[in-house]
Amino acid sequence: MTNPVDVDLRAIEALNRQDSKAVMENDVATIISQWTDDFVVLPAAGPIVRGRQANVDITERGREQLQAIEPIEYTADFEEIRVLGDYAYEWGTYRGRMRPRAGGTIVSYSGKLMRILRREPNGNWKMHRTILTSDPPAQ
């Protein structure tokens, strides 16, 4: 018999793989589809962004900048994933590299990440709350 928590963990890991793939492909529609309607982001800098539409608006305003860069690498490594009923949390680190599509210097970035996920009524897991930090640029 399959443990329900194992099923949830596999579904959350699939969500994380889908998210990384969407970042690498600049697939904004898939990224947005992974958010709950009341999604909240606590960014490394700036105000808290409350609600899916507010996050979509920020993403749409940054679409031109997103299209100007070419992702080279992106990885999120979660050190812990815990399921607590219809909610789960995960935390870890992320890192990536990108370069301007027009050519230029490769930029590396990294930071820490914590997410609270929520199981939707259809059983799918979505991102509900996200906290991001940014590491200082490497010297």
C-alpha atoms as a PDB file:
ATOM      1  CA  MET A   1       0.000   0.000   0.000  1.00  0.00           C
ATOM      2  CA  THR A   2       1.341   3.422  -0.967  1.00  0.00           C
ATOM      3  CA  ASN A   3       1.843   5.936   1.824  1.00  0.00           C
ATOM      4  CA  PRO A   4      -0.249   9.086   1.077  1.00  0.00           C
ATOM      5  CA  VAL A   5       2.608  11.319   2.261  1.00  0.00           C
ATOM      6  CA  ASP A   6       4.932   9.670  -0.279  1.00  0.00           C
ATOM      7  CA  VAL A   7       2.382  10.418  -3.007  1.00  0.00           C
ATOM      8  CA  ASP A   8       2.264  14.060  -1.867  1.00  0.00           C
ATOM      9  CA  LEU A   9       6.063  14.308  -1.763  1.00  0.00           C
ATOM     10  CA  ARG A  10       6.338  12.965  -5.315  1.00  0.00           C
ATOM     11  CA  ALA A  11       3.704  15.476  -6.476  1.00  0.00           C
ATOM     12  CA  ILE A  12       5.565  18.352  -4.800  1.00  0.00           C
ATOM     13  CA  GLU A  13       8.877  17.224  -6.293  1.00  0.00           C
ATOM     14  CA  ALA A  14       7.167  17.121  -9.715  1.00  0.00           C
ATOM     15  CA  LEU A  15       5.921  20.690  -9.133  1.00  0.00           C
ATOM     16  CA  ASN A  16       9.483  21.759  -8.301  1.00  0.00           C
ATOM     17  CA  ARG A  17      10.850  20.105 -11.471  1.00  0.00           C
ATOM     18  CA  GLN A  18       8.119  21.772 -13.530  1.00  0.00           C
ATOM     19  CA  ASP A  19       8.995  25.124 -11.967  1.00  0.00           C
ATOM     20  CA  SER A  20      12.708  24.759 -12.753  1.00  0.00           C
ATOM     21  CA  LYS A  21      11.907  23.746 -16.327  1.00  0.00           C
ATOM     22  CA  ALA A  22       9.576  26.735 -16.739  1.00  0.00           C
ATOM     23  CA  VAL A  23      12.282  29.098 -15.436  1.00  0.00           C
ATOM     24  CA  MET A  24      14.786  27.659 -17.924  1.00  0.00           C
ATOM     25  CA  GLU A  25      12.292  28.072 -20.780  1.00  0.00           C
ATOM     26  CA  ASN A  26      11.073  31.545 -19.720  1.00  0.00           C
ATOM     27  CA  ASP A  27       7.608  29.927 -19.658  1.00  0.00           C
ATOM     28  CA  VAL A  28       5.716  32.595 -17.752  1.00  0.00           C
ATOM     29  CA  ALA A  29       2.308  30.945 -18.275  1.00  0.00           C
ATOM     30  CA  THR A  30       3.473  27.754 -16.552  1.00  0.00           C
ATOM     31  CA  ILE A  31       5.114  29.692 -13.726  1.00  0.00           C
ATOM     32  CA  ILE A  32       1.880  31.615 -13.083  1.00  0.00           C
ATOM     33  CA  SER A  33      -0.225  28.443 -13.272  1.00  0.00           C
ATOM     34  CA  GLN A  34       1.637  27.089 -10.225  1.00  0.00           C
ATOM     35  CA  TRP A  35       0.344  29.839  -7.908  1.00  0.00           C
ATOM     36  CA  THR A  36      -2.755  29.834  -5.711  1.00  0.00           C
ATOM     37  CA  ASP A  37      -5.204  32.715  -6.204  1.00  0.00           C
ATOM     38  CA  ASP A  38      -4.040  34.243  -2.913  1.00  0.00           C
ATOM     39  CA  PHE A  39      -0.323  33.669  -3.608  1.00  0.00           C
ATOM     40  CA  VAL A  40       2.001  35.937  -1.576  1.00  0.00           C
ATOM     41  CA  VAL A  41       5.689  36.660  -2.208  1.00  0.00           C
ATOM     42  CA  LEU A  42       8.018  38.146   0.378  1.00  0.00           C
ATOM     43  CA  PRO A  43      10.868  39.240  -1.897  1.00  0.00           C
ATOM     44  CA  ALA A  44      14.453  39.892  -0.869  1.00  0.00           C
ATOM     45  CA  ALA A  45      13.832  43.607  -1.430  1.00  0.00           C
ATOM     46  CA  GLY A  46      10.723  45.678  -1.893  1.00  0.00           C
ATOM     47  CA  PRO A  47       7.173  45.405  -0.624  1.00  0.00           C
ATOM     48  CA  ILE A  48       5.241  42.204  -0.003  1.00  0.00           C
ATOM     49  CA  VAL A  49       3.304  41.187  -3.131  1.00  0.00           C
ATOM     50  CA  ARG A  50      -0.160  39.949  -2.162  1.00  0.00           C
ATOM     51  CA  GLY A  51      -2.406  37.953  -4.475  1.00  0.00           C
ATOM     52  CA  ARG A  52      -1.980  36.106  -7.724  1.00  0.00           C
ATOM     53  CA  GLN A  53      -3.007  39.068  -9.875  1.00  0.00           C
ATOM     54  CA  ALA A  54      -0.522  41.434  -8.213  1.00  0.00           C
ATOM     55  CA  ASN A  55       2.220  38.875  -8.862  1.00  0.00           C
ATOM     56  CA  VAL A  56       1.015  38.424 -12.469  1.00  0.00           C
ATOM     57  CA  ASP A  57       1.107  42.211 -12.947  1.00  0.00           C
ATOM     58  CA  ILE A  58       4.728  42.357 -11.759  1.00  0.00           C
ATOM     59  CA  THR A  59       5.625  39.429 -13.989  1.00  0.00           C
ATOM     60  CA  GLU A  60       3.919  41.030 -16.989  1.00  0.00           C
ATOM     61  CA  ARG A  61       5.735  44.338 -16.389  1.00  0.00           C
ATOM     62  CA  GLY A  62       9.014  42.411 -16.351  1.00  0.00           C
ATOM     63  CA  ARG A  63       8.203  40.288 -19.435  1.00  0.00           C
ATOM     64  CA  GLU A  64      10.390  42.397 -21.744  1.00  0.00           C
ATOM     65  CA  GLN A  65      13.331  42.048 -19.352  1.00  0.00           C
ATOM     66  CA  LEU A  66      12.711  38.298 -19.106  1.00  0.00           C
ATOM     67  CA  GLN A  67      12.716  37.960 -22.889  1.00  0.00           C
ATOM     68  CA  ALA A  68      16.016  39.879 -23.077  1.00  0.00           C
ATOM     69  CA  ILE A  69      17.863  37.248 -21.039  1.00  0.00           C
ATOM     70  CA  GLU A  70      18.800  33.677 -21.823  1.00  0.00           C
ATOM     71  CA  PRO A  71      18.726  31.303 -18.865  1.00  0.00           C
ATOM     72  CA  ILE A  72      21.779  29.046 -18.885  1.00  0.00           C
ATOM     73  CA  GLU A  73      21.210  27.195 -15.634  1.00  0.00           C
ATOM     74  CA  TYR A  74      18.681  27.165 -12.810  1.00  0.00           C
ATOM     75  CA  THR A  75      18.487  24.795  -9.875  1.00  0.00           C
ATOM     76  CA  ALA A  76      16.469  24.820  -6.680  1.00  0.00           C
ATOM     77  CA  ASP A  77      17.747  22.386  -4.064  1.00  0.00           C
ATOM     78  CA  PHE A  78      15.291  21.757  -1.250  1.00  0.00           C
ATOM     79  CA  GLU A  79      16.792  20.461   1.968  1.00  0.00           C
ATOM     80  CA  GLU A  80      13.468  19.747   3.609  1.00  0.00           C
ATOM     81  CA  ILE A  81       9.930  19.124   2.398  1.00  0.00           C
ATOM     82  CA  ARG A  82       7.214  18.430   4.975  1.00  0.00           C
ATOM     83  CA  VAL A  83       3.543  17.694   4.336  1.00  0.00           C
ATOM     84  CA  LEU A  84       1.054  18.798   7.009  1.00  0.00           C
ATOM     85  CA  GLY A  85      -2.407  17.870   5.743  1.00  0.00           C
ATOM     86  CA  ASP A  86      -3.405  20.182   2.887  1.00  0.00           C
ATOM     87  CA  TYR A  87      -0.322  22.351   3.404  1.00  0.00           C
ATOM     88  CA  ALA A  88       3.360  21.649   2.993  1.00  0.00           C
ATOM     89  CA  TYR A  89       6.524  23.642   3.432  1.00  0.00           C
ATOM     90  CA  GLU A  90       9.897  23.384   1.772  1.00  0.00           C
ATOM     91  CA  TRP A  91      13.119  25.317   2.125  1.00  0.00           C
ATOM     92  CA  GLY A  92      16.490  25.308   0.459  1.00  0.00           C
ATOM     93  CA  THR A  93      18.655  27.222  -1.946  1.00  0.00           C
ATOM     94  CA  TYR A  94      18.513  28.287  -5.572  1.00  0.00           C
ATOM     95  CA  ARG A  95      21.192  29.235  -8.047  1.00  0.00           C
ATOM     96  CA  GLY A  96      21.371  30.099 -11.676  1.00  0.00           C
ATOM     97  CA  ARG A  97      23.253  31.691 -14.509  1.00  0.00           C
ATOM     98  CA  MET A  98      21.970  33.847 -17.346  1.00  0.00           C
ATOM     99  CA  ARG A  99      23.231  36.101 -20.095  1.00  0.00           C
ATOM    100  CA  PRO A 100      21.757  38.809 -22.296  1.00  0.00           C
ATOM    101  CA  ARG A 101      20.347  37.380 -25.559  1.00  0.00           C
ATOM    102  CA  ALA A 102      22.132  40.185 -27.380  1.00  0.00           C
ATOM    103  CA  GLY A 103      25.421  38.851 -26.033  1.00  0.00           C
ATOM    104  CA  GLY A 104      27.477  39.845 -23.079  1.00  0.00           C
ATOM    105  CA  THR A 105      28.661  38.697 -19.718  1.00  0.00           C
ATOM    106  CA  ILE A 106      27.161  35.711 -17.949  1.00  0.00           C
ATOM    107  CA  VAL A 107      25.585  36.666 -14.619  1.00  0.00           C
ATOM    108  CA  SER A 108      25.374  34.205 -11.736  1.00  0.00           C
ATOM    109  CA  TYR A 109      22.851  34.505  -8.933  1.00  0.00           C
ATOM    110  CA  SER A 110      21.871  32.517  -5.853  1.00  0.00           C
ATOM    111  CA  GLY A 111      19.882  32.745  -2.661  1.00  0.00           C
ATOM    112  CA  LYS A 112      17.650  31.027  -0.175  1.00  0.00           C
ATOM    113  CA  LEU A 113      14.044  30.033  -0.700  1.00  0.00           C
ATOM    114  CA  MET A 114      11.151  28.977   1.506  1.00  0.00           C
ATOM    115  CA  ARG A 115       7.733  28.018   0.201  1.00  0.00           C
ATOM    116  CA  ILE A 116       4.424  27.085   1.719  1.00  0.00           C
ATOM    117  CA  LEU A 117       2.383  24.960  -0.666  1.00  0.00           C
ATOM    118  CA  ARG A 118      -1.335  24.254  -0.568  1.00  0.00           C
ATOM    119  CA  ARG A 119      -3.260  21.305  -1.930  1.00  0.00           C
ATOM    120  CA  GLU A 120      -6.058  22.557  -4.156  1.00  0.00           C
ATOM    121  CA  PRO A 121      -9.542  20.965  -4.091  1.00  0.00           C
ATOM    122  CA  ASN A 122      -8.599  18.998  -7.249  1.00  0.00           C
ATOM    123  CA  GLY A 123      -5.627  17.480  -5.375  1.00  0.00           C
ATOM    124  CA  ASN A 124      -2.898  19.468  -7.162  1.00  0.00           C
ATOM    125  CA  TRP A 125      -0.238  21.237  -5.115  1.00  0.00           C
ATOM    126  CA  LYS A 126       0.379  24.933  -5.778  1.00  0.00           C
ATOM    127  CA  MET A 127       2.684  27.597  -4.391  1.00  0.00           C
ATOM    128  CA  HIS A 128       0.847  29.560  -1.695  1.00  0.00           C
ATOM    129  CA  ARG A 129       3.585  31.638   0.004  1.00  0.00           C
ATOM    130  CA  THR A 130       7.196  32.226  -1.036  1.00  0.00           C
ATOM    131  CA  ILE A 131      10.076  33.932   0.743  1.00  0.00           C
ATOM    132  CA  LEU A 132      13.223  34.724  -1.241  1.00  0.00           C
ATOM    133  CA  THR A 133      16.618  36.035  -0.286  1.00  0.00           C
ATOM    134  CA  SER A 134      19.462  36.952  -2.608  1.00  0.00           C
ATOM    135  CA  ASP A 135      23.084  36.146  -1.895  1.00  0.00           C
ATOM    136  CA  PRO A 136      25.583  38.969  -2.446  1.00  0.00           C
ATOM    137  CA  PRO A 137      27.211  38.851  -5.892  1.00  0.00           C
ATOM    138  CA  ALA A 138      30.351  36.717  -6.022  1.00  0.00           C
ATOM    139  CA  GLN A 139      33.554  38.734  -6.087  1.00  0.00           C
END
